[in-house]
């Protein structure tokens, strides 16, 4: 690998730096090649790639007017650098297309263009079994069956992750408890601005409906329908929420989702007449359980309930009203 890096570094110095913005170079003491220059030894070029080979030309005549500073195309220079890396690995004798070939290409790219060293996540995460850790910064030696996370200078791949610190899990749990307080309608006039209050804790935008889903629109519709009839349902959670030992954090581009299974017992249900506050019906829900799906808003730095899977207004309310 050291030999490859040295060879590629020399090639990159010739090709020029990889830049994220427009760069310029000013010619210095460069010797113009003569017509009898010795040709460069050729190596096999990987399939599908085109090598730029310098050809010998006659001595150039100086221009009377100095040429302006050359402007480089950063995309072109980046492509040439990556091409030089693949050519260097091919020249080392590693079979192109093999696992070793791709790993050496990736490792060389990491040495020349390393990624950020800090995790992009706002929390420290732990991968769930099974998981693998990449030997290079690009993660190209990972099987590609799960999500890849950059953390502590390595790529980790797993189907899901969990929080390494318990306090980071407690924050989304508290957000769900605040959501439950909103849908419980403990205050007599809470149903009047219910949609606005719910929006502070629940956002189902873009969430696909699943068989057990309970999304914001359905909850709002149920509360509005009852309000039009002059009623609302008041809930009293007489027992604390019991959280499952398992929680699952799913990561993808632009999407951070958390699944929290939970259960409780002895939930008091009361059908209340809006105008008078009179309880017209009541029943005890012996057991209530579900899985809350939360999404993390990177712009607001908050968790929001996306789907109250098997939630009260979708799974339990119809039976209570019968």
Protein backbone atom coordinates (compact mmCIF):
# COMPACT_ATOMS: atom_id res chain seq x y z
CA UNK A 1 0.00 0.00 0.00
CA UNK A 2 2.89 2.40 0.81
CA UNK A 3 4.27 1.87 -2.68
CA UNK A 4 0.85 2.60 -4.18
CA UNK A 5 0.42 5.75 -2.14
CA UNK A 6 3.85 7.04 -3.18
CA UNK A 7 3.09 6.36 -6.82
CA UNK A 8 -0.32 8.01 -6.65
CA UNK A 9 0.96 10.99 -4.73
CA UNK A 10 3.49 11.65 -7.45
CA UNK A 11 0.74 11.30 -10.06
CA UNK A 12 -1.57 13.65 -8.16
CA UNK A 13 1.19 16.25 -7.87
CA UNK A 14 1.43 16.18 -11.65
CA UNK A 15 -2.33 16.25 -12.20
CA UNK A 16 -3.03 18.99 -9.69
CA UNK A 17 -5.02 19.28 -6.46
CA UNK A 18 -8.63 18.31 -6.00
CA UNK A 19 -10.60 21.39 -5.04
CA UNK A 20 -14.16 22.15 -4.10
CA UNK A 21 -13.98 25.64 -5.61
CA UNK A 22 -12.33 27.13 -8.68
CA UNK A 23 -8.54 27.12 -8.35
CA UNK A 24 -5.79 28.73 -10.43
CA UNK A 25 -2.18 27.87 -11.18
CA UNK A 26 0.57 30.05 -12.48
CA UNK A 27 3.30 28.41 -14.59
CA UNK A 28 6.74 28.65 -12.96
CA UNK A 29 10.04 27.16 -14.06
CA UNK A 30 8.67 24.35 -16.24
CA UNK A 31 10.88 22.76 -18.83
CA UNK A 32 9.31 22.37 -22.25
CA UNK A 33 9.62 18.78 -23.50
CA UNK A 34 11.69 18.31 -26.61
CA UNK A 35 10.68 16.38 -29.72
CA UNK A 36 12.99 13.52 -28.76
CA UNK A 37 11.71 13.02 -25.21
CA UNK A 38 11.70 9.43 -23.98
CA UNK A 39 8.12 8.05 -24.01
CA UNK A 40 6.51 7.11 -20.69
CA UNK A 41 6.19 3.38 -20.05
CA UNK A 42 2.60 2.26 -20.49
CA UNK A 43 0.64 0.16 -18.03
CA UNK A 44 -2.61 -1.65 -18.57
CA UNK A 45 -5.62 0.66 -18.24
CA UNK A 46 -8.72 -0.68 -16.43
CA UNK A 47 -11.66 -1.55 -18.66
CA UNK A 48 -13.95 1.39 -19.39
CA UNK A 49 -11.36 4.00 -18.43
CA UNK A 50 -9.50 6.36 -20.71
CA UNK A 51 -5.96 7.37 -19.90
CA UNK A 52 -4.59 10.77 -20.85
CA UNK A 53 -1.06 10.09 -22.20
CA UNK A 54 1.32 12.99 -22.74
CA UNK A 55 2.78 13.02 -26.27
CA UNK A 56 6.07 14.62 -27.27
CA UNK A 57 5.77 17.88 -29.18
CA UNK A 58 8.13 20.33 -30.75
CA UNK A 59 9.48 23.19 -28.65
CA UNK A 60 6.74 25.77 -28.27
CA UNK A 61 7.44 29.32 -29.43
CA UNK A 62 6.85 31.91 -26.75
CA UNK A 63 3.86 34.16 -27.31
CA UNK A 64 4.43 37.88 -27.57
CA UNK A 65 1.51 38.45 -25.17
CA UNK A 66 1.66 36.60 -21.84
CA UNK A 67 -1.31 34.25 -21.49
CA UNK A 68 -3.75 34.89 -18.61
CA UNK A 69 -3.73 32.73 -15.50
CA UNK A 70 -5.27 29.34 -16.35
CA UNK A 71 -8.58 28.45 -14.72
CA UNK A 72 -8.94 24.81 -13.70
CA UNK A 73 -12.13 22.76 -13.78
CA UNK A 74 -12.32 21.14 -10.31
CA UNK A 75 -14.62 18.36 -11.56
CA UNK A 76 -12.13 17.45 -14.31
CA UNK A 77 -9.18 17.48 -11.90
CA UNK A 78 -11.08 15.28 -9.44
CA UNK A 79 -11.87 12.75 -12.18
CA UNK A 80 -8.23 12.71 -13.28
CA UNK A 81 -7.08 12.15 -9.70
CA UNK A 82 -9.43 9.21 -9.22
CA UNK A 83 -8.33 7.82 -12.58
CA UNK A 84 -4.70 8.08 -11.52
CA UNK A 85 -5.48 6.13 -8.36
CA UNK A 86 -7.10 3.27 -10.29
CA UNK A 87 -4.24 3.19 -12.82
CA UNK A 88 -1.68 3.03 -10.00
CA UNK A 89 -3.47 0.14 -8.29
CA UNK A 90 -3.76 -1.67 -11.63
CA UNK A 91 -0.04 -1.18 -12.24
CA UNK A 92 0.71 -2.79 -8.88
CA UNK A 93 -0.62 -6.07 -10.24
CA UNK A 94 -3.82 -6.33 -8.22
CA UNK A 95 -6.56 -7.90 -10.41
CA UNK A 96 -9.08 -5.26 -11.40
CA UNK A 97 -12.59 -5.91 -10.13
CA UNK A 98 -11.39 -8.03 -7.21
CA UNK A 99 -12.26 -7.23 -3.61
CA UNK A 100 -8.61 -6.42 -2.92
CA UNK A 101 -8.52 -4.03 -5.89
CA UNK A 102 -11.55 -2.02 -4.72
CA UNK A 103 -10.29 -1.99 -1.13
CA UNK A 104 -6.89 -0.62 -2.20
CA UNK A 105 -8.51 2.01 -4.43
CA UNK A 106 -10.73 3.09 -1.54
CA UNK A 107 -7.87 3.13 0.97
CA UNK A 108 -5.75 5.24 -1.38
CA UNK A 109 -8.59 7.70 -1.90
CA UNK A 110 -8.96 7.95 1.88
CA UNK A 111 -5.30 8.82 2.22
CA UNK A 112 -5.58 11.57 -0.42
CA UNK A 113 -9.13 12.83 0.22
CA UNK A 114 -10.09 11.89 3.78
CA UNK A 115 -13.70 12.41 4.95
CA UNK A 116 -14.64 14.40 8.08
CA UNK A 117 -13.39 12.89 11.33
CA UNK A 118 -16.47 13.72 13.42
CA UNK A 119 -19.76 11.84 13.41
CA UNK A 120 -22.54 13.72 11.57
CA UNK A 121 -25.07 12.51 14.14
CA UNK A 122 -25.96 14.69 17.14
CA UNK A 123 -25.61 11.64 19.40
CA UNK A 124 -23.15 8.83 19.90
CA UNK A 125 -24.68 5.65 18.47
CA UNK A 126 -24.12 1.94 18.95
CA UNK A 127 -24.72 -0.52 16.06
CA UNK A 128 -27.01 -3.47 16.67
CA UNK A 129 -25.87 -7.00 15.89
CA UNK A 130 -24.85 -8.01 13.34
CA UNK A 131 -22.62 -5.15 12.20
CA UNK A 132 -19.31 -4.67 10.41
CA UNK A 133 -16.65 -1.97 10.54
CA UNK A 134 -14.93 -0.80 7.39
CA UNK A 135 -11.14 -0.76 7.08
CA UNK A 136 -11.26 2.40 4.98
CA UNK A 137 -13.08 5.71 5.07
CA UNK A 138 -15.31 5.01 2.06
CA UNK A 139 -16.76 1.82 3.44
CA UNK A 140 -16.31 0.00 0.13
CA UNK A 141 -15.38 -3.25 1.87
CA UNK A 142 -18.77 -3.35 3.61
CA UNK A 143 -21.40 -5.77 2.25
CA UNK A 144 -23.92 -3.00 1.61
CA UNK A 145 -26.87 -4.63 3.42
CA UNK A 146 -27.47 -1.89 5.98
CA UNK A 147 -26.92 1.76 6.80
CA UNK A 148 -23.39 3.09 6.93
CA UNK A 149 -22.50 5.54 9.72
CA UNK A 150 -19.26 7.52 9.94
CA UNK A 151 -18.16 7.59 13.58
CA UNK A 152 -14.81 7.65 15.37
CA UNK A 153 -12.80 7.58 12.16
CA UNK A 154 -14.43 4.49 10.66
CA UNK A 155 -17.53 3.41 8.76
CA UNK A 156 -19.93 1.19 10.68
CA UNK A 157 -22.68 -0.70 8.87
CA UNK A 158 -25.76 -2.14 10.59
CA UNK A 159 -29.46 -2.53 9.85
CA UNK A 160 -30.26 -0.28 12.82
CA UNK A 161 -28.58 1.54 15.67
CA UNK A 162 -29.31 2.43 19.28
CA UNK A 163 -28.26 5.30 21.50
CA UNK A 164 -24.99 4.74 23.30
CA UNK A 165 -26.04 7.14 26.09
CA UNK A 166 -29.32 6.58 27.94
CA UNK A 167 -30.04 10.31 28.29
CA UNK A 168 -30.33 10.65 24.50
CA UNK A 169 -33.11 8.05 24.48
CA UNK A 170 -34.99 9.75 27.30
CA UNK A 171 -35.56 12.93 25.26
CA UNK A 172 -37.72 11.31 22.52
CA UNK A 173 -39.54 9.32 25.22
CA UNK A 174 -40.51 12.57 26.96
CA UNK A 175 -41.70 14.00 23.64
CA UNK A 176 -44.07 11.07 23.23
CA UNK A 177 -45.41 11.49 26.76
CA UNK A 178 -46.11 15.16 25.94
CA UNK A 179 -47.95 14.00 22.81
CA UNK A 180 -50.06 11.60 24.90
CA UNK A 181 -50.98 14.48 27.17
CA UNK A 182 -52.23 16.44 24.14
CA UNK A 183 -54.46 13.63 22.83
CA UNK A 184 -55.81 12.93 26.33
CA UNK A 185 -57.79 16.21 26.24
CA UNK A 186 -57.57 16.71 29.97
CA UNK A 187 -58.69 20.33 29.63
CA UNK A 188 -62.33 20.96 28.77
CA UNK A 189 -61.60 23.28 25.84
CA UNK A 190 -58.48 21.51 24.53
CA UNK A 191 -60.34 20.09 21.54
CA UNK A 192 -61.06 23.60 20.19
CA UNK A 193 -57.46 24.22 19.04
CA UNK A 194 -56.52 20.56 18.91
CA UNK A 195 -54.88 20.57 15.46
CA UNK A 196 -52.50 23.40 16.41
CA UNK A 197 -51.59 21.79 19.71
CA UNK A 198 -51.01 18.44 18.05
CA UNK A 199 -48.70 20.03 15.45
CA UNK A 200 -46.31 21.02 18.24
CA UNK A 201 -45.54 17.35 18.85
CA UNK A 202 -46.69 15.39 15.79
CA UNK A 203 -45.73 15.68 12.11
CA UNK A 204 -46.77 12.87 9.78
CA UNK A 205 -45.72 14.68 6.58
CA UNK A 206 -44.49 12.21 3.99
CA UNK A 207 -45.19 9.14 6.14
CA UNK A 208 -46.63 6.23 4.18
CA UNK A 209 -49.77 4.66 5.59
CA UNK A 210 -49.25 1.16 7.04
CA UNK A 211 -51.86 -1.33 8.32
CA UNK A 212 -51.42 -0.30 11.98
CA UNK A 213 -50.62 3.38 11.32
CA UNK A 214 -52.24 6.22 13.20
CA UNK A 215 -51.23 9.47 11.52
CA UNK A 216 -51.98 13.09 12.36
CA UNK A 217 -54.77 13.61 9.82
CA UNK A 218 -56.77 10.64 11.07
CA UNK A 219 -56.44 11.73 14.70
CA UNK A 220 -57.56 15.28 13.84
CA UNK A 221 -60.52 13.94 11.85
CA UNK A 222 -61.68 11.78 14.76
CA UNK A 223 -61.48 14.65 17.25
CA UNK A 224 -63.23 17.04 14.81
CA UNK A 225 -66.04 14.55 14.16
CA UNK A 226 -66.69 14.16 17.88
CA UNK A 227 -66.55 17.94 18.38
CA UNK A 228 -69.18 18.47 15.67
CA UNK A 229 -71.43 16.09 17.60
CA UNK A 230 -70.83 18.04 20.80
CA UNK A 231 -68.48 15.57 22.51
CA UNK A 232 -64.85 14.77 23.16
CA UNK A 233 -63.02 11.82 24.73
CA UNK A 234 -60.94 12.33 27.85
CA UNK A 235 -58.21 9.83 28.71
CA UNK A 236 -56.58 9.19 32.06
CA UNK A 237 -53.42 7.07 32.13
CA UNK A 238 -53.63 5.63 35.64
CA UNK A 239 -50.42 3.63 35.24
CA UNK A 240 -47.05 4.87 33.93
CA UNK A 241 -45.88 3.97 30.43
CA UNK A 242 -43.64 0.91 30.36
CA UNK A 243 -40.96 1.15 27.68
CA UNK A 244 -39.63 -1.89 25.91
CA UNK A 245 -35.96 -2.66 26.40
CA UNK A 246 -35.59 -2.57 22.62
CA UNK A 247 -35.53 0.66 20.64
CA UNK A 248 -34.47 0.93 17.02
CA UNK A 249 -32.88 3.90 15.28
CA UNK A 250 -33.02 3.81 11.48
CA UNK A 251 -30.82 6.11 9.42
CA UNK A 252 -30.99 7.08 5.77
CA UNK A 253 -30.15 10.13 3.70
CA UNK A 254 -32.14 13.02 5.15
CA UNK A 255 -34.19 10.75 7.41
CA UNK A 256 -33.66 9.74 11.04
CA UNK A 257 -36.41 7.53 12.50
CA UNK A 258 -36.80 6.00 15.96
CA UNK A 259 -39.16 3.17 16.92
CA UNK A 260 -40.15 2.90 20.59
CA UNK A 261 -42.44 0.00 21.65
CA UNK A 262 -44.42 0.69 24.83
CA UNK A 263 -47.37 -0.51 26.90
CA UNK A 264 -49.50 0.49 29.87
CA UNK A 265 -52.50 -0.70 31.85
CA UNK A 266 -55.78 0.70 33.19
CA UNK A 267 -56.48 3.64 30.87
CA UNK A 268 -59.73 5.39 31.84
CA UNK A 269 -61.88 6.46 28.87
CA UNK A 270 -64.62 9.07 29.28
CA UNK A 271 -67.01 10.47 26.68
CA UNK A 272 -67.66 14.06 27.75
CA UNK A 273 -70.39 16.43 26.60
CA UNK A 274 -68.60 19.59 25.43
CA UNK A 275 -71.23 22.13 26.53
CA UNK A 276 -71.88 20.80 30.03
CA UNK A 277 -68.81 18.68 30.91
CA UNK A 278 -71.15 15.80 31.73
CA UNK A 279 -69.66 12.30 31.38
CA UNK A 280 -72.03 10.29 29.20
CA UNK A 281 -70.00 7.11 28.95
CA UNK A 282 -66.91 5.62 30.54
CA UNK A 283 -64.88 2.42 30.35
CA UNK A 284 -61.56 1.08 31.56
CA UNK A 285 -59.10 -0.02 28.91
CA UNK A 286 -57.34 -2.93 30.65
CA UNK A 287 -54.22 -2.89 28.47
CA UNK A 288 -52.98 -0.44 25.88
CA UNK A 289 -49.81 -0.97 23.81
CA UNK A 290 -48.22 0.22 20.59
CA UNK A 291 -45.09 1.46 18.89
CA UNK A 292 -44.41 5.11 18.39
CA UNK A 293 -42.37 6.20 15.37
CA UNK A 294 -40.55 9.48 15.82
CA UNK A 295 -38.54 11.50 13.31
CA UNK A 296 -35.75 13.92 14.14
CA UNK A 297 -35.87 17.41 12.67
CA UNK A 298 -32.29 18.52 11.97
CA UNK A 299 -33.44 22.11 11.44
CA UNK A 300 -35.43 22.38 14.70
CA UNK A 301 -33.30 19.90 16.68
CA UNK A 302 -36.41 18.20 18.05
CA UNK A 303 -38.17 14.86 17.86
CA UNK A 304 -41.68 14.67 16.41
CA UNK A 305 -44.20 11.83 16.52
CA UNK A 306 -44.63 10.65 12.94
CA UNK A 307 -46.81 7.59 13.43
CA UNK A 308 -48.52 6.50 16.64
CA UNK A 309 -48.68 2.87 15.51
CA UNK A 310 -51.84 1.28 17.03
CA UNK A 311 -52.64 4.65 18.58
CA UNK A 312 -55.78 5.29 20.61
CA UNK A 313 -57.84 7.19 18.03
CA UNK A 314 -57.19 4.57 15.35
CA UNK A 315 -57.25 1.32 17.30
CA UNK A 316 -59.19 1.82 20.55
CA UNK A 317 -61.68 4.67 20.06
CA UNK A 318 -64.04 2.80 17.66
CA UNK A 319 -64.54 0.00 20.19
CA UNK A 320 -65.22 2.51 22.98
CA UNK A 321 -67.88 4.38 20.98
CA UNK A 322 -69.78 1.24 19.96
